[in-house]
Amino acid sequence: MALVAVADAGSEPEAVMIVARLRDAGIAAMSKTTGSRQAIQFGSGATQTIYVEAEHEARAREALEDPDLSDDELAALAEEAGREQGGPPAI
């Protein structure tokens, strides 16, 4: 299974949101802390690269191109990302 990078995220929560968006599109994805920043940034502040299987690259890029998320969708993604990172439960 060959993995290809399809996106970069400035933080771990942003990466979690991108991975969730791909998962919602039916595409398995993973994120990994990238580059030399590992030495100076840790945890949620570290830059992340998002990877998918090579055979799903085109679909993943297409899914990530659509910037038209409603405020409700953005809020839901942020809430889900927070829960996945161990944040407080939704009120």
C-alpha atoms as a PDB file:
ATOM      1  CA  MET A   1       0.000   0.000   0.000  1.00  0.00           C
ATOM      2  CA  ALA A   2       1.611   3.238  -1.172  1.00  0.00           C
ATOM      3  CA  LEU A   3       0.648   6.424   0.640  1.00  0.00           C
ATOM      4  CA  VAL A   4       0.677   9.892  -0.905  1.00  0.00           C
ATOM      5  CA  ALA A   5       0.438  13.295   0.754  1.00  0.00           C
ATOM      6  CA  VAL A   6      -2.715  15.205  -0.174  1.00  0.00           C
ATOM      7  CA  ALA A   7      -2.739  18.078   2.320  1.00  0.00           C
ATOM      8  CA  ASP A   8      -0.829  19.883   5.031  1.00  0.00           C
ATOM      9  CA  ALA A   9      -2.344  21.152   8.254  1.00  0.00           C
ATOM     10  CA  GLY A  10      -0.919  23.802  10.533  1.00  0.00           C
ATOM     11  CA  SER A  11      -1.937  21.959  13.692  1.00  0.00           C
ATOM     12  CA  GLU A  12      -3.132  18.606  14.948  1.00  0.00           C
ATOM     13  CA  PRO A  13      -6.773  19.748  15.372  1.00  0.00           C
ATOM     14  CA  GLU A  14      -6.798  20.992  11.770  1.00  0.00           C
ATOM     15  CA  ALA A  15      -5.361  17.645  10.633  1.00  0.00           C
ATOM     16  CA  VAL A  16      -8.085  15.799  12.566  1.00  0.00           C
ATOM     17  CA  MET A  17     -10.719  17.886  10.773  1.00  0.00           C
ATOM     18  CA  ILE A  18      -9.201  17.115   7.354  1.00  0.00           C
ATOM     19  CA  VAL A  19      -8.981  13.394   8.136  1.00  0.00           C
ATOM     20  CA  ALA A  20     -12.631  13.466   9.303  1.00  0.00           C
ATOM     21  CA  ARG A  21     -13.695  15.202   6.107  1.00  0.00           C
ATOM     22  CA  LEU A  22     -11.942  12.543   4.026  1.00  0.00           C
ATOM     23  CA  ARG A  23     -13.467   9.780   6.160  1.00  0.00           C
ATOM     24  CA  ASP A  24     -16.910  11.290   5.560  1.00  0.00           C
ATOM     25  CA  ALA A  25     -16.149  11.080   1.818  1.00  0.00           C
ATOM     26  CA  GLY A  26     -15.358   7.376   2.238  1.00  0.00           C
ATOM     27  CA  ILE A  27     -11.581   7.774   2.054  1.00  0.00           C
ATOM     28  CA  ALA A  28      -9.278   6.378   4.734  1.00  0.00           C
ATOM     29  CA  ALA A  29      -6.604   8.898   5.721  1.00  0.00           C
ATOM     30  CA  MET A  30      -3.934   9.421   8.349  1.00  0.00           C
ATOM     31  CA  SER A  31      -1.843  12.350   9.536  1.00  0.00           C
ATOM     32  CA  LYS A  32       1.736  12.521  10.683  1.00  0.00           C
ATOM     33  CA  THR A  33       3.877  15.265  12.183  1.00  0.00           C
ATOM     34  CA  THR A  34       6.115  16.540   9.400  1.00  0.00           C
ATOM     35  CA  GLY A  35       9.641  17.663   8.758  1.00  0.00           C
ATOM     36  CA  SER A  36      12.193  19.217  11.022  1.00  0.00           C
ATOM     37  CA  ARG A  37       9.477  20.968  12.998  1.00  0.00           C
ATOM     38  CA  GLN A  38       9.174  17.769  15.037  1.00  0.00           C
ATOM     39  CA  ALA A  39      12.216  18.931  16.961  1.00  0.00           C
ATOM     40  CA  ILE A  40      10.733  22.295  17.914  1.00  0.00           C
ATOM     41  CA  GLN A  41       6.974  21.714  17.969  1.00  0.00           C
ATOM     42  CA  PHE A  42       5.120  19.020  19.808  1.00  0.00           C
ATOM     43  CA  GLY A  43       1.523  17.951  20.209  1.00  0.00           C
ATOM     44  CA  SER A  44      -1.333  19.975  18.827  1.00  0.00           C
ATOM     45  CA  GLY A  45       0.879  22.833  17.578  1.00  0.00           C
ATOM     46  CA  ALA A  46       2.976  20.679  15.248  1.00  0.00           C
ATOM     47  CA  THR A  47       2.559  20.834  11.476  1.00  0.00           C
ATOM     48  CA  GLN A  48       0.873  17.707  10.085  1.00  0.00           C
ATOM     49  CA  THR A  49       0.775  16.079   6.634  1.00  0.00           C
ATOM     50  CA  ILE A  50      -2.309  14.114   5.604  1.00  0.00           C
ATOM     51  CA  TYR A  51      -1.822  10.875   3.643  1.00  0.00           C
ATOM     52  CA  VAL A  52      -4.167   8.598   1.683  1.00  0.00           C
ATOM     53  CA  GLU A  53      -3.627   5.455  -0.362  1.00  0.00           C
ATOM     54  CA  ALA A  54      -2.325   6.360  -3.834  1.00  0.00           C
ATOM     55  CA  GLU A  55      -5.391   4.892  -5.536  1.00  0.00           C
ATOM     56  CA  HIS A  56      -7.612   7.387  -3.673  1.00  0.00           C
ATOM     57  CA  GLU A  57      -5.471  10.492  -4.282  1.00  0.00           C
ATOM     58  CA  ALA A  58      -7.663  12.073  -6.980  1.00  0.00           C
ATOM     59  CA  ARG A  59     -10.872  11.571  -4.985  1.00  0.00           C
ATOM     60  CA  ALA A  60      -9.214  12.911  -1.825  1.00  0.00           C
ATOM     61  CA  ARG A  61      -7.981  16.047  -3.564  1.00  0.00           C
ATOM     62  CA  GLU A  62     -11.436  16.573  -5.040  1.00  0.00           C
ATOM     63  CA  ALA A  63     -13.073  16.143  -1.624  1.00  0.00           C
ATOM     64  CA  LEU A  64     -10.682  18.696  -0.118  1.00  0.00           C
ATOM     65  CA  GLU A  65     -11.144  21.249  -2.919  1.00  0.00           C
ATOM     66  CA  ASP A  66     -14.766  21.978  -2.017  1.00  0.00           C
ATOM     67  CA  PRO A  67     -14.486  24.922   0.391  1.00  0.00           C
ATOM     68  CA  ASP A  68     -18.243  25.299   0.712  1.00  0.00           C
ATOM     69  CA  LEU A  69     -18.797  24.172   4.262  1.00  0.00           C
ATOM     70  CA  SER A  70     -21.647  25.708   6.174  1.00  0.00           C
ATOM     71  CA  ASP A  71     -21.080  27.176   9.622  1.00  0.00           C
ATOM     72  CA  ASP A  72     -22.912  24.152  11.059  1.00  0.00           C
ATOM     73  CA  GLU A  73     -20.604  21.740   9.204  1.00  0.00           C
ATOM     74  CA  LEU A  74     -17.524  23.622  10.405  1.00  0.00           C
ATOM     75  CA  ALA A  75     -18.821  23.599  13.978  1.00  0.00           C
ATOM     76  CA  ALA A  76     -19.561  19.854  13.792  1.00  0.00           C
ATOM     77  CA  LEU A  77     -16.082  19.115  12.423  1.00  0.00           C
ATOM     78  CA  ALA A  78     -14.445  21.241  15.106  1.00  0.00           C
ATOM     79  CA  GLU A  79     -16.503  19.559  17.817  1.00  0.00           C
ATOM     80  CA  GLU A  80     -15.624  16.083  16.519  1.00  0.00           C
ATOM     81  CA  ALA A  81     -11.942  17.008  16.316  1.00  0.00           C
ATOM     82  CA  GLY A  82     -12.057  18.235  19.915  1.00  0.00           C
ATOM     83  CA  ARG A  83     -13.649  14.997  21.122  1.00  0.00           C
ATOM     84  CA  GLU A  84     -11.070  12.916  19.246  1.00  0.00           C
ATOM     85  CA  GLN A  85      -8.334  14.922  20.946  1.00  0.00           C
ATOM     86  CA  GLY A  86      -9.867  14.341  24.380  1.00  0.00           C
ATOM     87  CA  GLY A  87     -11.492  17.735  24.707  1.00  0.00           C
ATOM     88  CA  PRO A  88     -14.548  18.524  26.790  1.00  0.00           C
ATOM     89  CA  PRO A  89     -17.878  16.965  25.726  1.00  0.00           C
ATOM     90  CA  ALA A  90     -20.347  19.017  23.718  1.00  0.00           C
ATOM     91  CA  ILE A  91     -22.904  20.995  25.722  1.00  0.00           C
END
